[in-house]
Amino acid sequence: MFSFKRSPLLIRKINTNKAEIYLTFDDGPDAQCTPAVLDLLREEGALGTFFVIGDRARKYPALVERMIHEGHSVFSHSIDHRYRHYFRSRAGLKTWLTESLRDLEAQTKSQQKVFRPPAGVLTPPLMSLSQELGIPLILWTHRFYDSTRPWIESAAHKSALKIRPGDIVLLHDSQKSQNCSIFLKTLRFYLQDVKKRGFLFQI
């Protein structure tokens, strides 16, 4: 996933004519919701990309191992998801970015080539470092703000109607405990709705 001969600086969708989209999950792993998300993806025959937080990945290594074992991609959403790094010096920001990648490489035993900044925040120093280091920043085409409010089927359906080849969908497998069940119900609805439109889920 997200492999390019000449990596764009900023990626919001993938350039393809194939009927496929990229389902991505941020902020995990989460002890409660991530296993249920993985169960559901397996049941629906869908693959996804998990942008994990390094500190959480270390806390739940079995979940990261399961993601990889079941065919999903795992990439960095930073080592700690702390926004204060955006206000550090260029050298400090570079250290945070490179350490985030190295930390997850050590955990997954696979090279980390892309990065999703926390909250999708883009600053000139981060974008400059992305160019310097050859590390694309992965954002998204569709989002639902599902980490702050319940994700409901009407919003999912509205997005599915607009889905196009190469779109990147942002979701969160780390959910508030009271929202996990409705998230899973809507995720199943969304997967089935998108598949009915002839799209596959790529990694």
C-alpha atoms as a PDB file:
ATOM      1  CA  MET A   1       0.000   0.000   0.000  1.00  0.00           C
ATOM      2  CA  PHE A   2       1.064   3.569  -0.662  1.00  0.00           C
ATOM      3  CA  SER A   3       4.182   2.549  -2.615  1.00  0.00           C
ATOM      4  CA  PHE A   4       5.387   4.968  -5.292  1.00  0.00           C
ATOM      5  CA  LYS A   5       8.456   5.325  -7.497  1.00  0.00           C
ATOM      6  CA  ARG A   6       8.288   9.052  -6.879  1.00  0.00           C
ATOM      7  CA  SER A   7       6.406   9.670  -3.698  1.00  0.00           C
ATOM      8  CA  PRO A   8       4.071  12.659  -3.660  1.00  0.00           C
ATOM      9  CA  LEU A   9       4.492  14.944  -0.674  1.00  0.00           C
ATOM     10  CA  LEU A  10       0.851  14.740   0.382  1.00  0.00           C
ATOM     11  CA  ILE A  11      -1.618  11.977  -0.457  1.00  0.00           C
ATOM     12  CA  ARG A  12      -5.383  12.386  -0.101  1.00  0.00           C
ATOM     13  CA  LYS A  13      -6.343   9.654  -2.584  1.00  0.00           C
ATOM     14  CA  ILE A  14      -4.622   7.050  -4.752  1.00  0.00           C
ATOM     15  CA  ASN A  15      -4.355   7.518  -8.493  1.00  0.00           C
ATOM     16  CA  THR A  16      -6.143   4.480  -9.929  1.00  0.00           C
ATOM     17  CA  ASN A  17      -8.954   3.641 -12.319  1.00  0.00           C
ATOM     18  CA  LYS A  18      -9.733   0.383 -10.518  1.00  0.00           C
ATOM     19  CA  ALA A  19     -12.875   0.070  -8.414  1.00  0.00           C
ATOM     20  CA  GLU A  20     -11.021  -0.031  -5.131  1.00  0.00           C
ATOM     21  CA  ILE A  21     -10.773   2.193  -2.069  1.00  0.00           C
ATOM     22  CA  TYR A  22      -8.537   2.352   0.973  1.00  0.00           C
ATOM     23  CA  LEU A  23     -10.129   1.817   4.369  1.00  0.00           C
ATOM     24  CA  THR A  24      -7.932   3.259   7.130  1.00  0.00           C
ATOM     25  CA  PHE A  25      -8.204   3.186  10.917  1.00  0.00           C
ATOM     26  CA  ASP A  26      -6.449   5.599  13.291  1.00  0.00           C
ATOM     27  CA  ASP A  27      -5.484   5.849  16.966  1.00  0.00           C
ATOM     28  CA  GLY A  28      -5.359   2.171  17.894  1.00  0.00           C
ATOM     29  CA  PRO A  29      -4.829  -0.459  18.924  1.00  0.00           C
ATOM     30  CA  ASP A  30      -7.671  -0.363  21.430  1.00  0.00           C
ATOM     31  CA  ALA A  31      -8.327  -3.280  23.759  1.00  0.00           C
ATOM     32  CA  GLN A  32     -12.112  -3.069  23.427  1.00  0.00           C
ATOM     33  CA  CYS A  33     -12.911  -2.006  19.890  1.00  0.00           C
ATOM     34  CA  THR A  34      -9.961  -3.140  17.739  1.00  0.00           C
ATOM     35  CA  PRO A  35     -10.605  -6.900  18.172  1.00  0.00           C
ATOM     36  CA  ALA A  36     -14.244  -6.393  17.194  1.00  0.00           C
ATOM     37  CA  VAL A  37     -13.210  -4.341  14.147  1.00  0.00           C
ATOM     38  CA  LEU A  38     -10.834  -7.101  13.087  1.00  0.00           C
ATOM     39  CA  ASP A  39     -13.573  -9.712  13.567  1.00  0.00           C
ATOM     40  CA  LEU A  40     -15.951  -7.689  11.427  1.00  0.00           C
ATOM     41  CA  LEU A  41     -13.407  -7.107   8.642  1.00  0.00           C
ATOM     42  CA  ARG A  42     -12.729 -10.840   8.531  1.00  0.00           C
ATOM     43  CA  GLU A  43     -16.442 -11.642   8.378  1.00  0.00           C
ATOM     44  CA  GLU A  44     -16.978  -9.168   5.547  1.00  0.00           C
ATOM     45  CA  GLY A  45     -13.853 -10.189   3.636  1.00  0.00           C
ATOM     46  CA  ALA A  46     -12.414  -6.678   3.789  1.00  0.00           C
ATOM     47  CA  LEU A  47      -8.859  -5.508   4.359  1.00  0.00           C
ATOM     48  CA  GLY A  48      -7.776  -2.265   5.955  1.00  0.00           C
ATOM     49  CA  THR A  49      -4.796  -0.168   6.899  1.00  0.00           C
ATOM     50  CA  PHE A  50      -4.205   0.605  10.556  1.00  0.00           C
ATOM     51  CA  PHE A  51      -2.315   3.788  11.411  1.00  0.00           C
ATOM     52  CA  VAL A  52      -1.304   2.902  14.937  1.00  0.00           C
ATOM     53  CA  ILE A  53       0.151   4.951  17.780  1.00  0.00           C
ATOM     54  CA  GLY A  54       3.512   3.484  18.756  1.00  0.00           C
ATOM     55  CA  ASP A  55       2.927   3.638  22.514  1.00  0.00           C
ATOM     56  CA  ARG A  56      -0.414   1.846  22.135  1.00  0.00           C
ATOM     57  CA  ALA A  57       1.067  -0.723  19.770  1.00  0.00           C
ATOM     58  CA  ARG A  58       3.626  -1.605  22.445  1.00  0.00           C
ATOM     59  CA  LYS A  59       0.814  -1.947  24.977  1.00  0.00           C
ATOM     60  CA  TYR A  60      -1.154  -4.354  22.765  1.00  0.00           C
ATOM     61  CA  PRO A  61       1.410  -6.219  20.632  1.00  0.00           C
ATOM     62  CA  ALA A  62      -0.912  -9.180  20.082  1.00  0.00           C
ATOM     63  CA  LEU A  63      -3.388  -6.923  18.287  1.00  0.00           C
ATOM     64  CA  VAL A  64      -0.685  -5.582  15.983  1.00  0.00           C
ATOM     65  CA  GLU A  65       0.436  -9.138  15.275  1.00  0.00           C
ATOM     66  CA  ARG A  66      -3.148 -10.077  14.486  1.00  0.00           C
ATOM     67  CA  MET A  67      -3.538  -7.147  12.075  1.00  0.00           C
ATOM     68  CA  ILE A  68      -0.482  -8.293  10.144  1.00  0.00           C
ATOM     69  CA  HIS A  69      -1.376 -11.995  10.315  1.00  0.00           C
ATOM     70  CA  GLU A  70      -4.846 -11.319   8.887  1.00  0.00           C
ATOM     71  CA  GLY A  71      -3.448  -9.400   5.929  1.00  0.00           C
ATOM     72  CA  HIS A  72      -3.928  -5.792   6.976  1.00  0.00           C
ATOM     73  CA  SER A  73      -1.312  -3.061   6.657  1.00  0.00           C
ATOM     74  CA  VAL A  74       0.139  -1.324   9.701  1.00  0.00           C
ATOM     75  CA  PHE A  75       1.710   2.140   9.492  1.00  0.00           C
ATOM     76  CA  SER A  76       2.708   4.935  11.853  1.00  0.00           C
ATOM     77  CA  HIS A  77       0.369   7.530  13.309  1.00  0.00           C
ATOM     78  CA  SER A  78       3.282   8.786  15.423  1.00  0.00           C
ATOM     79  CA  ILE A  79       4.841   7.330  18.511  1.00  0.00           C
ATOM     80  CA  ASP A  80       2.633   9.216  20.978  1.00  0.00           C
ATOM     81  CA  HIS A  81      -0.007  11.352  19.169  1.00  0.00           C
ATOM     82  CA  ARG A  82       1.058  14.475  21.081  1.00  0.00           C
ATOM     83  CA  TYR A  83       0.414  17.769  19.347  1.00  0.00           C
ATOM     84  CA  ARG A  84       3.207  19.570  21.173  1.00  0.00           C
ATOM     85  CA  HIS A  85       5.693  18.144  18.675  1.00  0.00           C
ATOM     86  CA  TYR A  86       4.327  20.456  16.003  1.00  0.00           C
ATOM     87  CA  PHE A  87       5.695  23.392  17.993  1.00  0.00           C
ATOM     88  CA  ARG A  88       9.208  21.995  18.445  1.00  0.00           C
ATOM     89  CA  SER A  89      12.266  23.065  16.517  1.00  0.00           C
ATOM     90  CA  ARG A  90      12.839  21.568  13.102  1.00  0.00           C
ATOM     91  CA  ALA A  91      15.436  19.239  14.630  1.00  0.00           C
ATOM     92  CA  GLY A  92      12.998  18.171  17.350  1.00  0.00           C
ATOM     93  CA  LEU A  93      10.230  17.570  14.829  1.00  0.00           C
ATOM     94  CA  LYS A  94      12.592  15.506  12.680  1.00  0.00           C
ATOM     95  CA  THR A  95      13.561  13.395  15.676  1.00  0.00           C
ATOM     96  CA  TRP A  96       9.900  12.748  16.514  1.00  0.00           C
ATOM     97  CA  LEU A  97       9.084  11.764  12.935  1.00  0.00           C
ATOM     98  CA  THR A  98      12.057   9.455  12.439  1.00  0.00           C
ATOM     99  CA  GLU A  99      11.735   7.894  15.894  1.00  0.00           C
ATOM    100  CA  SER A 100       8.039   7.215  15.244  1.00  0.00           C
ATOM    101  CA  LEU A 101       8.963   5.270  12.123  1.00  0.00           C
ATOM    102  CA  ARG A 102      11.892   3.422  13.693  1.00  0.00           C
ATOM    103  CA  ASP A 103       9.822   2.503  16.747  1.00  0.00           C
ATOM    104  CA  LEU A 104       7.118   0.865  14.646  1.00  0.00           C
ATOM    105  CA  GLU A 105       9.676  -0.801  12.392  1.00  0.00           C
ATOM    106  CA  ALA A 106      11.112  -2.472  15.481  1.00  0.00           C
ATOM    107  CA  GLN A 107       7.653  -3.624  16.536  1.00  0.00           C
ATOM    108  CA  THR A 108       6.433  -4.869  13.159  1.00  0.00           C
ATOM    109  CA  LYS A 109       9.773  -5.971  11.661  1.00  0.00           C
ATOM    110  CA  SER A 110       8.811  -4.169   8.459  1.00  0.00           C
ATOM    111  CA  GLN A 111      10.028  -0.942   6.891  1.00  0.00           C
ATOM    112  CA  GLN A 112       7.890   2.130   7.539  1.00  0.00           C
ATOM    113  CA  LYS A 113       7.625   4.290   4.418  1.00  0.00           C
ATOM    114  CA  VAL A 114       4.661   6.581   5.116  1.00  0.00           C
ATOM    115  CA  PHE A 115       3.293   8.631   8.008  1.00  0.00           C
ATOM    116  CA  ARG A 116      -0.115   9.919   9.014  1.00  0.00           C
ATOM    117  CA  PRO A 117       0.250  13.022  11.200  1.00  0.00           C
ATOM    118  CA  PRO A 118      -1.968  13.206  14.298  1.00  0.00           C
ATOM    119  CA  ALA A 119      -5.282  14.914  13.477  1.00  0.00           C
ATOM    120  CA  GLY A 120      -3.969  15.426   9.945  1.00  0.00           C
ATOM    121  CA  VAL A 121      -2.148  18.557  11.070  1.00  0.00           C
ATOM    122  CA  LEU A 122       0.174  19.931   8.388  1.00  0.00           C
ATOM    123  CA  THR A 123       2.793  22.524   9.191  1.00  0.00           C
ATOM    124  CA  PRO A 124       5.434  23.937   6.814  1.00  0.00           C
ATOM    125  CA  PRO A 125       8.296  22.285   8.788  1.00  0.00           C
ATOM    126  CA  LEU A 126       6.560  18.875   8.717  1.00  0.00           C
ATOM    127  CA  MET A 127       5.880  19.111   5.002  1.00  0.00           C
ATOM    128  CA  SER A 128       9.450  20.203   4.373  1.00  0.00           C
ATOM    129  CA  LEU A 129      10.776  17.245   6.357  1.00  0.00           C
ATOM    130  CA  SER A 130       8.443  14.914   4.487  1.00  0.00           C
ATOM    131  CA  GLN A 131      10.027  16.084   1.247  1.00  0.00           C
ATOM    132  CA  GLU A 132      13.567  15.920   2.619  1.00  0.00           C
ATOM    133  CA  LEU A 133      13.169  12.399   4.015  1.00  0.00           C
ATOM    134  CA  GLY A 134      11.008  11.060   1.198  1.00  0.00           C
ATOM    135  CA  ILE A 135       8.179  10.170   3.574  1.00  0.00           C
ATOM    136  CA  PRO A 136       4.689  10.798   2.132  1.00  0.00           C
ATOM    137  CA  LEU A 137       2.060  12.159   4.504  1.00  0.00           C
ATOM    138  CA  ILE A 138      -1.170  10.181   4.142  1.00  0.00           C
ATOM    139  CA  LEU A 139      -4.449  11.997   4.702  1.00  0.00           C
ATOM    140  CA  TRP A 140      -7.905  11.044   3.406  1.00  0.00           C
ATOM    141  CA  THR A 141     -10.775  11.725   1.024  1.00  0.00           C
ATOM    142  CA  HIS A 142     -13.677  10.851   3.359  1.00  0.00           C
ATOM    143  CA  ARG A 143     -13.967  11.327   7.107  1.00  0.00           C
ATOM    144  CA  PHE A 144     -16.778  11.099   9.670  1.00  0.00           C
ATOM    145  CA  TYR A 145     -15.345  12.577  12.906  1.00  0.00           C
ATOM    146  CA  ASP A 146     -16.244   9.214  14.421  1.00  0.00           C
ATOM    147  CA  SER A 147     -13.769   9.606  17.287  1.00  0.00           C
ATOM    148  CA  THR A 148     -15.800  12.483  18.740  1.00  0.00           C
ATOM    149  CA  ARG A 149     -19.401  11.624  17.854  1.00  0.00           C
ATOM    150  CA  PRO A 150     -21.330   8.460  16.983  1.00  0.00           C
ATOM    151  CA  TRP A 151     -21.014   7.324  13.365  1.00  0.00           C
ATOM    152  CA  ILE A 152     -24.480   6.655  11.985  1.00  0.00           C
ATOM    153  CA  GLU A 153     -25.715   4.828   8.903  1.00  0.00           C
ATOM    154  CA  SER A 154     -27.113   7.917   7.168  1.00  0.00           C
ATOM    155  CA  ALA A 155     -23.661   9.541   7.170  1.00  0.00           C
ATOM    156  CA  ALA A 156     -22.082   6.302   5.994  1.00  0.00           C
ATOM    157  CA  HIS A 157     -24.576   5.970   3.147  1.00  0.00           C
ATOM    158  CA  LYS A 158     -24.071   9.570   2.067  1.00  0.00           C
ATOM    159  CA  SER A 159     -20.336   8.912   1.806  1.00  0.00           C
ATOM    160  CA  ALA A 160     -20.829   5.616  -0.034  1.00  0.00           C
ATOM    161  CA  LEU A 161     -22.841   7.423  -2.708  1.00  0.00           C
ATOM    162  CA  LYS A 162     -19.840   9.667  -3.378  1.00  0.00           C
ATOM    163  CA  ILE A 163     -17.124   6.996  -3.277  1.00  0.00           C
ATOM    164  CA  ARG A 164     -14.686   7.043  -6.206  1.00  0.00           C
ATOM    165  CA  PRO A 165     -11.721   4.846  -7.224  1.00  0.00           C
ATOM    166  CA  GLY A 166      -8.684   5.467  -5.062  1.00  0.00           C
ATOM    167  CA  ASP A 167     -10.520   7.237  -2.246  1.00  0.00           C
ATOM    168  CA  ILE A 168      -9.042   6.967   1.240  1.00  0.00           C
ATOM    169  CA  VAL A 169     -11.553   6.598   4.077  1.00  0.00           C
ATOM    170  CA  LEU A 170     -10.625   7.706   7.598  1.00  0.00           C
ATOM    171  CA  LEU A 171     -12.110   5.839  10.572  1.00  0.00           C
ATOM    172  CA  HIS A 172     -10.984   5.116  14.130  1.00  0.00           C
ATOM    173  CA  ASP A 173     -10.702   1.693  15.742  1.00  0.00           C
ATOM    174  CA  SER A 174     -10.163   3.469  19.054  1.00  0.00           C
ATOM    175  CA  GLN A 175     -13.671   4.461  20.138  1.00  0.00           C
ATOM    176  CA  LYS A 176     -15.318   5.730  23.284  1.00  0.00           C
ATOM    177  CA  SER A 177     -16.738   2.705  25.077  1.00  0.00           C
ATOM    178  CA  GLN A 178     -20.312   3.931  24.658  1.00  0.00           C
ATOM    179  CA  ASN A 179     -19.836   4.393  20.895  1.00  0.00           C
ATOM    180  CA  CYS A 180     -18.152   1.126  19.954  1.00  0.00           C
ATOM    181  CA  SER A 181     -21.313  -0.881  19.295  1.00  0.00           C
ATOM    182  CA  ILE A 182     -22.893   1.752  17.045  1.00  0.00           C
ATOM    183  CA  PHE A 183     -19.556   2.181  15.255  1.00  0.00           C
ATOM    184  CA  LEU A 184     -19.402  -1.540  14.499  1.00  0.00           C
ATOM    185  CA  LYS A 185     -23.013  -1.618  13.315  1.00  0.00           C
ATOM    186  CA  THR A 186     -22.388   1.307  10.969  1.00  0.00           C
ATOM    187  CA  LEU A 187     -19.077  -0.126   9.784  1.00  0.00           C
ATOM    188  CA  ARG A 188     -20.793  -3.341   8.705  1.00  0.00           C
ATOM    189  CA  PHE A 189     -23.475  -1.303   6.921  1.00  0.00           C
ATOM    190  CA  TYR A 190     -20.800   0.816   5.198  1.00  0.00           C
ATOM    191  CA  LEU A 191     -18.734  -2.164   4.056  1.00  0.00           C
ATOM    192  CA  GLN A 192     -21.775  -3.852   2.573  1.00  0.00           C
ATOM    193  CA  ASP A 193     -23.008  -0.624   0.969  1.00  0.00           C
ATOM    194  CA  VAL A 194     -19.659   0.052  -0.686  1.00  0.00           C
ATOM    195  CA  LYS A 195     -19.336  -3.548  -1.882  1.00  0.00           C
ATOM    196  CA  LYS A 196     -22.787  -3.350  -3.466  1.00  0.00           C
ATOM    197  CA  ARG A 197     -21.411  -0.511  -5.586  1.00  0.00           C
ATOM    198  CA  GLY A 198     -18.715  -2.822  -6.926  1.00  0.00           C
ATOM    199  CA  PHE A 199     -15.753  -1.559  -4.890  1.00  0.00           C
ATOM    200  CA  LEU A 200     -13.068  -3.637  -3.227  1.00  0.00           C
ATOM    201  CA  PHE A 201     -10.944  -2.657  -0.232  1.00  0.00           C
ATOM    202  CA  GLN A 202      -7.252  -2.334  -1.067  1.00  0.00           C
ATOM    203  CA  ILE A 203      -4.193  -2.185   1.182  1.00  0.00           C
END
